PDB file of N, CA and C in Angstrom:
ATOM      1  N   MET A   1      95.648  82.710  75.633  1.00  0.00           N
ATOM      2  CA  MET A   1      96.944  83.351  76.212  1.00  0.00           C
ATOM      3  C   MET A   1      97.758  81.963  76.435  1.00  0.00           C
ATOM      4  N   SER A   2      99.088  82.196  75.853  1.00  0.00           N
ATOM      5  CA  SER A   2     100.129  81.036  76.301  1.00  0.00           C
ATOM      6  C   SER A   2     100.294  81.093  77.838  1.00  0.00           C
ATOM      7  N   PRO A   3     100.654  79.728  78.009  1.00  0.00           N
ATOM      8  CA  PRO A   3     101.219  79.912  79.479  1.00  0.00           C
ATOM      9  C   PRO A   3     102.402  80.125  79.788  1.00  0.00           C
ATOM     10  N   HIS A   4     103.078  80.307  78.809  1.00  0.00           N
ATOM     11  CA  HIS A   4     104.445  80.911  79.008  1.00  0.00           C
ATOM     12  C   HIS A   4     104.477  82.337  78.458  1.00  0.00           C
ATOM     13  N   GLN A   5     104.668  83.162  79.503  1.00  0.00           N
ATOM     14  CA  GLN A   5     104.570  84.739  79.352  1.00  0.00           C
ATOM     15  C   GLN A   5     106.208  85.237  79.632  1.00  0.00           C
ATOM     16  N   SER A   6     106.395  86.061  78.828  1.00  0.00           N
ATOM     17  CA  SER A   6     107.650  86.744  79.057  1.00  0.00           C
ATOM     18  C   SER A   6     107.532  87.552  80.174  1.00  0.00           C
ATOM     19  N   PRO A   7     108.915  87.996  80.579  1.00  0.00           N
ATOM     20  CA  PRO A   7     108.796  88.878  81.834  1.00  0.00           C
ATOM     21  C   PRO A   7     108.076  90.040  81.831  1.00  0.00           C
ATOM     22  N   PHE A   8     108.187  90.875  80.599  1.00  0.00           N
ATOM     23  CA  PHE A   8     107.469  91.802  80.217  1.00  0.00           C
ATOM     24  C   PHE A   8     105.956  91.734  80.354  1.00  0.00           C
ATOM     25  N   GLU A   9     105.343  90.844  79.884  1.00  0.00           N
ATOM     26  CA  GLU A   9     104.187  90.289  79.859  1.00  0.00           C
ATOM     27  C   GLU A   9     103.526  90.126  81.569  1.00  0.00           C
ATOM     28  N   ARG A  10     104.428  89.473  82.125  1.00  0.00           N
ATOM     29  CA  ARG A  10     103.980  89.462  83.523  1.00  0.00           C
ATOM     30  C   ARG A  10     104.280  90.600  84.621  1.00  0.00           C
ATOM     31  N   LEU A  11     104.962  91.490  84.017  1.00  0.00           N
ATOM     32  CA  LEU A  11     105.158  92.614  84.716  1.00  0.00           C
ATOM     33  C   LEU A  11     103.809  93.553  84.419  1.00  0.00           C
ATOM     34  N   ARG A  12     103.384  93.724  83.097  1.00  0.00           N
ATOM     35  CA  ARG A  12     102.284  94.253  82.677  1.00  0.00           C
ATOM     36  C   ARG A  12     100.931  93.789  83.438  1.00  0.00           C
ATOM     37  N   LYS A  13     100.911  92.555  83.637  1.00  0.00           N
ATOM     38  CA  LYS A  13      99.614  91.732  84.450  1.00  0.00           C
ATOM     39  C   LYS A  13      99.622  92.273  85.788  1.00  0.00           C
ATOM     40  N   LYS A  14     101.045  92.343  86.182  1.00  0.00           N
ATOM     41  CA  LYS A  14     101.215  92.747  87.713  1.00  0.00           C
ATOM     42  C   LYS A  14     100.379  94.231  87.938  1.00  0.00           C
ATOM     43  N   PHE A  15     100.866  95.117  87.013  1.00  0.00           N
ATOM     44  CA  PHE A  15     100.467  96.719  87.097  1.00  0.00           C
ATOM     45  C   PHE A  15      98.700  96.476  86.823  1.00  0.00           C
ATOM     46  N   ASP A  16      98.458  95.783  85.818  1.00  0.00           N
ATOM     47  CA  ASP A  16      96.935  95.361  85.416  1.00  0.00           C
ATOM     48  C   ASP A  16      96.303  95.051  86.652  1.00  0.00           C
ATOM     49  N   ASP A  17      96.597  94.096  87.436  1.00  0.00           N
ATOM     50  CA  ASP A  17      95.902  93.450  88.660  1.00  0.00           C
ATOM     51  C   ASP A  17      96.063  94.434  89.970  1.00  0.00           C
ATOM     52  N   SER A  18      96.981  95.389  89.980  1.00  0.00           N
ATOM     53  CA  SER A  18      97.068  95.904  91.364  1.00  0.00           C
ATOM     54  C   SER A  18      97.134  97.570  91.295  1.00  0.00           C
ATOM     55  N   GLU A  19      97.543  98.070  90.012  1.00  0.00           N
ATOM     56  CA  GLU A  19      97.569  99.549  89.970  1.00  0.00           C
ATOM     57  C   GLU A  19      96.684 100.206  89.145  1.00  0.00           C
ATOM     58  N   LEU A  20      95.374  99.800  88.913  1.00  0.00           N
ATOM     59  CA  LEU A  20      94.530 100.444  88.200  1.00  0.00           C
ATOM     60  C   LEU A  20      93.596 101.684  88.632  1.00  0.00           C
ATOM     61  N   ARG A  21      94.005 102.095  90.046  1.00  0.00           N
ATOM     62  CA  ARG A  21      93.294 103.546  90.551  1.00  0.00           C
ATOM     63  C   ARG A  21      94.212 104.505  90.211  1.00  0.00           C
ATOM     64  N   CYS A  22      93.850 105.461  89.943  1.00  0.00           N
ATOM     65  CA  CYS A  22      94.461 106.920  89.493  1.00  0.00           C
ATOM     66  C   CYS A  22      94.955 107.196  90.820  1.00  0.00           C
ATOM     67  N   ARG A  23      96.190 107.694  91.062  1.00  0.00           N
ATOM     68  CA  ARG A  23      96.707 108.544  92.253  1.00  0.00           C
ATOM     69  C   ARG A  23      96.145 109.667  92.425  1.00  0.00           C
ATOM     70  N   HIS A  24      95.904 110.222  91.445  1.00  0.00           N
ATOM     71  CA  HIS A  24      95.564 111.713  91.316  1.00  0.00           C
ATOM     72  C   HIS A  24      93.999 111.961  91.861  1.00  0.00           C
ATOM     73  N   CYS A  25      93.132 111.097  91.470  1.00  0.00           N
ATOM     74  CA  CYS A  25      91.651 111.719  91.578  1.00  0.00           C
ATOM     75  C   CYS A  25      90.974 110.226  92.051  1.00  0.00           C
ATOM     76  N   GLY A  26      91.749 109.027  92.260  1.00  0.00           N
ATOM     77  CA  GLY A  26      91.170 108.121  92.807  1.00  0.00           C
ATOM     78  C   GLY A  26      90.151 106.980  91.884  1.00  0.00           C
ATOM     79  N   TYR A  27      89.957 107.460  90.603  1.00  0.00           N
ATOM     80  CA  TYR A  27      89.103 106.661  89.930  1.00  0.00           C
ATOM     81  C   TYR A  27      89.976 105.539  89.169  1.00  0.00           C
ATOM     82  N   ARG A  28      88.957 104.500  89.428  1.00  0.00           N
ATOM     83  CA  ARG A  28      89.489 102.953  88.730  1.00  0.00           C
ATOM     84  C   ARG A  28      89.313 102.655  87.393  1.00  0.00           C
ATOM     85  N   ASP A  29      90.618 102.854  86.897  1.00  0.00           N
ATOM     86  CA  ASP A  29      90.159 102.797  85.240  1.00  0.00           C
ATOM     87  C   ASP A  29      90.601 101.295  84.730  1.00  0.00           C
ATOM     88  N   ASP A  30      89.685 100.253  84.573  1.00  0.00           N
ATOM     89  CA  ASP A  30      89.928  99.030  84.146  1.00  0.00           C
ATOM     90  C   ASP A  30      90.611  99.002  82.484  1.00  0.00           C
ATOM     91  N   SER A  31      90.999 100.105  81.842  1.00  0.00           N
ATOM     92  CA  SER A  31      91.471  99.798  80.500  1.00  0.00           C
ATOM     93  C   SER A  31      93.065  99.519  80.353  1.00  0.00           C
ATOM     94  N   GLY A  32      93.541  99.659  81.941  1.00  0.00           N
ATOM     95  CA  GLY A  32      94.887  99.048  81.873  1.00  0.00           C
ATOM     96  C   GLY A  32      96.178  99.829  81.602  1.00  0.00           C
ATOM     97  N   TRP A  33      97.360  99.364  81.710  1.00  0.00           N
ATOM     98  CA  TRP A  33      98.351 100.231  81.001  1.00  0.00           C
ATOM     99  C   TRP A  33      98.562  99.788  79.697  1.00  0.00           C
ATOM    100  N   ASN A  34      99.302 100.850  79.067  1.00  0.00           N
ATOM    101  CA  ASN A  34      99.726 100.489  77.713  1.00  0.00           C
ATOM    102  C   ASN A  34     101.115 100.396  77.710  1.00  0.00           C
ATOM    103  N   VAL A  35     102.012  99.554  76.539  1.00  0.00           N
ATOM    104  CA  VAL A  35     103.332  99.397  76.901  1.00  0.00           C
ATOM    105  C   VAL A  35     103.746  99.596  75.297  1.00  0.00           C
ATOM    106  N   SER A  36     105.041 100.143  75.558  1.00  0.00           N
ATOM    107  CA  SER A  36     105.856 100.496  74.210  1.00  0.00           C
ATOM    108  C   SER A  36     107.130 100.246  74.495  1.00  0.00           C
ATOM    109  N   THR A  37     108.241 100.070  73.564  1.00  0.00           N
ATOM    110  CA  THR A  37     109.642  99.748  73.794  1.00  0.00           C
ATOM    111  C   THR A  37     110.031 100.289  72.407  1.00  0.00           C
ATOM    112  N   SER A  38     111.562 100.506  72.350  1.00  0.00           N
ATOM    113  CA  SER A  38     112.399 100.774  71.679  1.00  0.00           C
ATOM    114  C   SER A  38     113.318  99.904  71.453  1.00  0.00           C
ATOM    115  N   GLY A  39     113.386  98.911  72.080  1.00  0.00           N
ATOM    116  CA  GLY A  39     114.577  97.832  72.013  1.00  0.00           C
ATOM    117  C   GLY A  39     115.703  97.786  73.000  1.00  0.00           C
ATOM    118  N   ASP A  40     115.823  99.040  73.878  1.00  0.00           N
ATOM    119  CA  ASP A  40     116.568  99.208  74.717  1.00  0.00           C
ATOM    120  C   ASP A  40     116.080  99.496  75.778  1.00  0.00           C
ATOM    121  N   TRP A  41     114.663  99.809  75.890  1.00  0.00           N
ATOM    122  CA  TRP A  41     114.077 100.443  77.151  1.00  0.00           C
ATOM    123  C   TRP A  41     112.436  99.937  76.897  1.00  0.00           C
ATOM    124  N   VAL A  42     111.416  99.737  77.828  1.00  0.00           N
ATOM    125  CA  VAL A  42     110.339  99.310  77.966  1.00  0.00           C
ATOM    126  C   VAL A  42     109.519 100.400  78.850  1.00  0.00           C
ATOM    127  N   GLU A  43     108.536 100.878  78.272  1.00  0.00           N
ATOM    128  CA  GLU A  43     107.835 102.131  78.878  1.00  0.00           C
ATOM    129  C   GLU A  43     106.302 101.457  79.155  1.00  0.00           C
ATOM    130  N   TYR A  44     105.626 101.692  80.623  1.00  0.00           N
ATOM    131  CA  TYR A  44     104.381 101.338  80.654  1.00  0.00           C
ATOM    132  C   TYR A  44     103.795 102.452  81.182  1.00  0.00           C
ATOM    133  N   ARG A  45     102.513 102.838  80.618  1.00  0.00           N
ATOM    134  CA  ARG A  45     101.826 104.132  80.623  1.00  0.00           C
ATOM    135  C   ARG A  45     100.537 103.814  80.927  1.00  0.00           C
ATOM    136  N   PHE A  46     100.325 104.559  81.959  1.00  0.00           N
ATOM    137  CA  PHE A  46      98.587 104.522  82.577  1.00  0.00           C
ATOM    138  C   PHE A  46      98.223 106.062  82.503  1.00  0.00           C
ATOM    139  N   VAL A  47      97.280 106.104  81.536  1.00  0.00           N
ATOM    140  CA  VAL A  47      96.127 107.188  81.402  1.00  0.00           C
ATOM    141  C   VAL A  47      95.003 107.311  82.009  1.00  0.00           C
ATOM    142  N   CYS A  48      94.602 108.135  83.251  1.00  0.00           N
ATOM    143  CA  CYS A  48      93.117 108.149  83.802  1.00  0.00           C
ATOM    144  C   CYS A  48      92.509 108.653  82.651  1.00  0.00           C
ATOM    145  N   SER A  49      91.559 107.993  82.601  1.00  0.00           N
ATOM    146  CA  SER A  49      90.254 108.395  81.751  1.00  0.00           C
ATOM    147  C   SER A  49      89.206 109.350  82.378  1.00  0.00           C
ATOM    148  N   SER A  50      89.301 109.653  83.388  1.00  0.00           N
ATOM    149  CA  SER A  50      88.500 110.530  84.423  1.00  0.00           C
ATOM    150  C   SER A  50      89.261 111.891  84.428  1.00  0.00           C
ATOM    151  N   CYS A  51      90.574 111.984  84.782  1.00  0.00           N
ATOM    152  CA  CYS A  51      91.381 113.318  84.725  1.00  0.00           C
ATOM    153  C   CYS A  51      92.556 113.315  84.060  1.00  0.00           C
ATOM    154  N   ASP A  52      92.527 112.555  83.036  1.00  0.00           N
ATOM    155  CA  ASP A  52      93.696 112.394  82.134  1.00  0.00           C
ATOM    156  C   ASP A  52      95.296 112.436  82.694  1.00  0.00           C
ATOM    157  N   ALA A  53      95.449 112.274  84.034  1.00  0.00           N
ATOM    158  CA  ALA A  53      96.615 111.950  84.629  1.00  0.00           C
ATOM    159  C   ALA A  53      97.384 110.806  83.958  1.00  0.00           C
ATOM    160  N   VAL A  54      98.719 111.199  83.905  1.00  0.00           N
ATOM    161  CA  VAL A  54      99.469 110.186  83.241  1.00  0.00           C
ATOM    162  C   VAL A  54     100.501 109.813  84.007  1.00  0.00           C
ATOM    163  N   GLU A  55     100.582 108.346  84.159  1.00  0.00           N
ATOM    164  CA  GLU A  55     101.590 107.595  85.148  1.00  0.00           C
ATOM    165  C   GLU A  55     102.479 106.739  84.284  1.00  0.00           C
ATOM    166  N   THR A  56     103.873 106.850  84.516  1.00  0.00           N
ATOM    167  CA  THR A  56     104.565 106.074  83.700  1.00  0.00           C
ATOM    168  C   THR A  56     105.671 105.261  84.131  1.00  0.00           C
ATOM    169  N   ARG A  57     106.236 104.126  83.773  1.00  0.00           N
ATOM    170  CA  ARG A  57     107.093 103.223  84.518  1.00  0.00           C
ATOM    171  C   ARG A  57     107.865 102.762  83.462  1.00  0.00           C
ATOM    172  N   GLU A  58     109.262 103.168  83.685  1.00  0.00           N
ATOM    173  CA  GLU A  58     110.124 102.861  82.474  1.00  0.00           C
ATOM    174  C   GLU A  58     111.352 101.968  82.932  1.00  0.00           C
ATOM    175  N   MET A  59     111.553 100.885  82.095  1.00  0.00           N
ATOM    176  CA  MET A  59     112.701 100.043  82.473  1.00  0.00           C
ATOM    177  C   MET A  59     113.746  99.829  81.083  1.00  0.00           C
ATOM    178  N   ARG A  60     114.815  99.968  81.891  1.00  0.00           N
ATOM    179  CA  ARG A  60     115.966 100.288  80.652  1.00  0.00           C
ATOM    180  C   ARG A  60     116.682  98.789  80.656  1.00  0.00           C
ATOM    181  N   LEU A  61     117.010  98.552  79.540  1.00  0.00           N
ATOM    182  CA  LEU A  61     117.458  97.072  79.358  1.00  0.00           C
ATOM    183  C   LEU A  61     118.765  97.144  79.251  1.00  0.00           C
TER     184      LEU A  61
END
């Protein structure tokens, strides 16, 4: 990995380092957050592989 990370890469790393436990069932899912973007927003999505609960964080640019 490059030593220079974009702000979005750093934010995803923060989510992956601290928010991998499902808030609904407590299961820890190490698959991490998925990221998608349209150019004017960035969406981080976590889907629990145990109970299929979905959490999202959206950043508008």
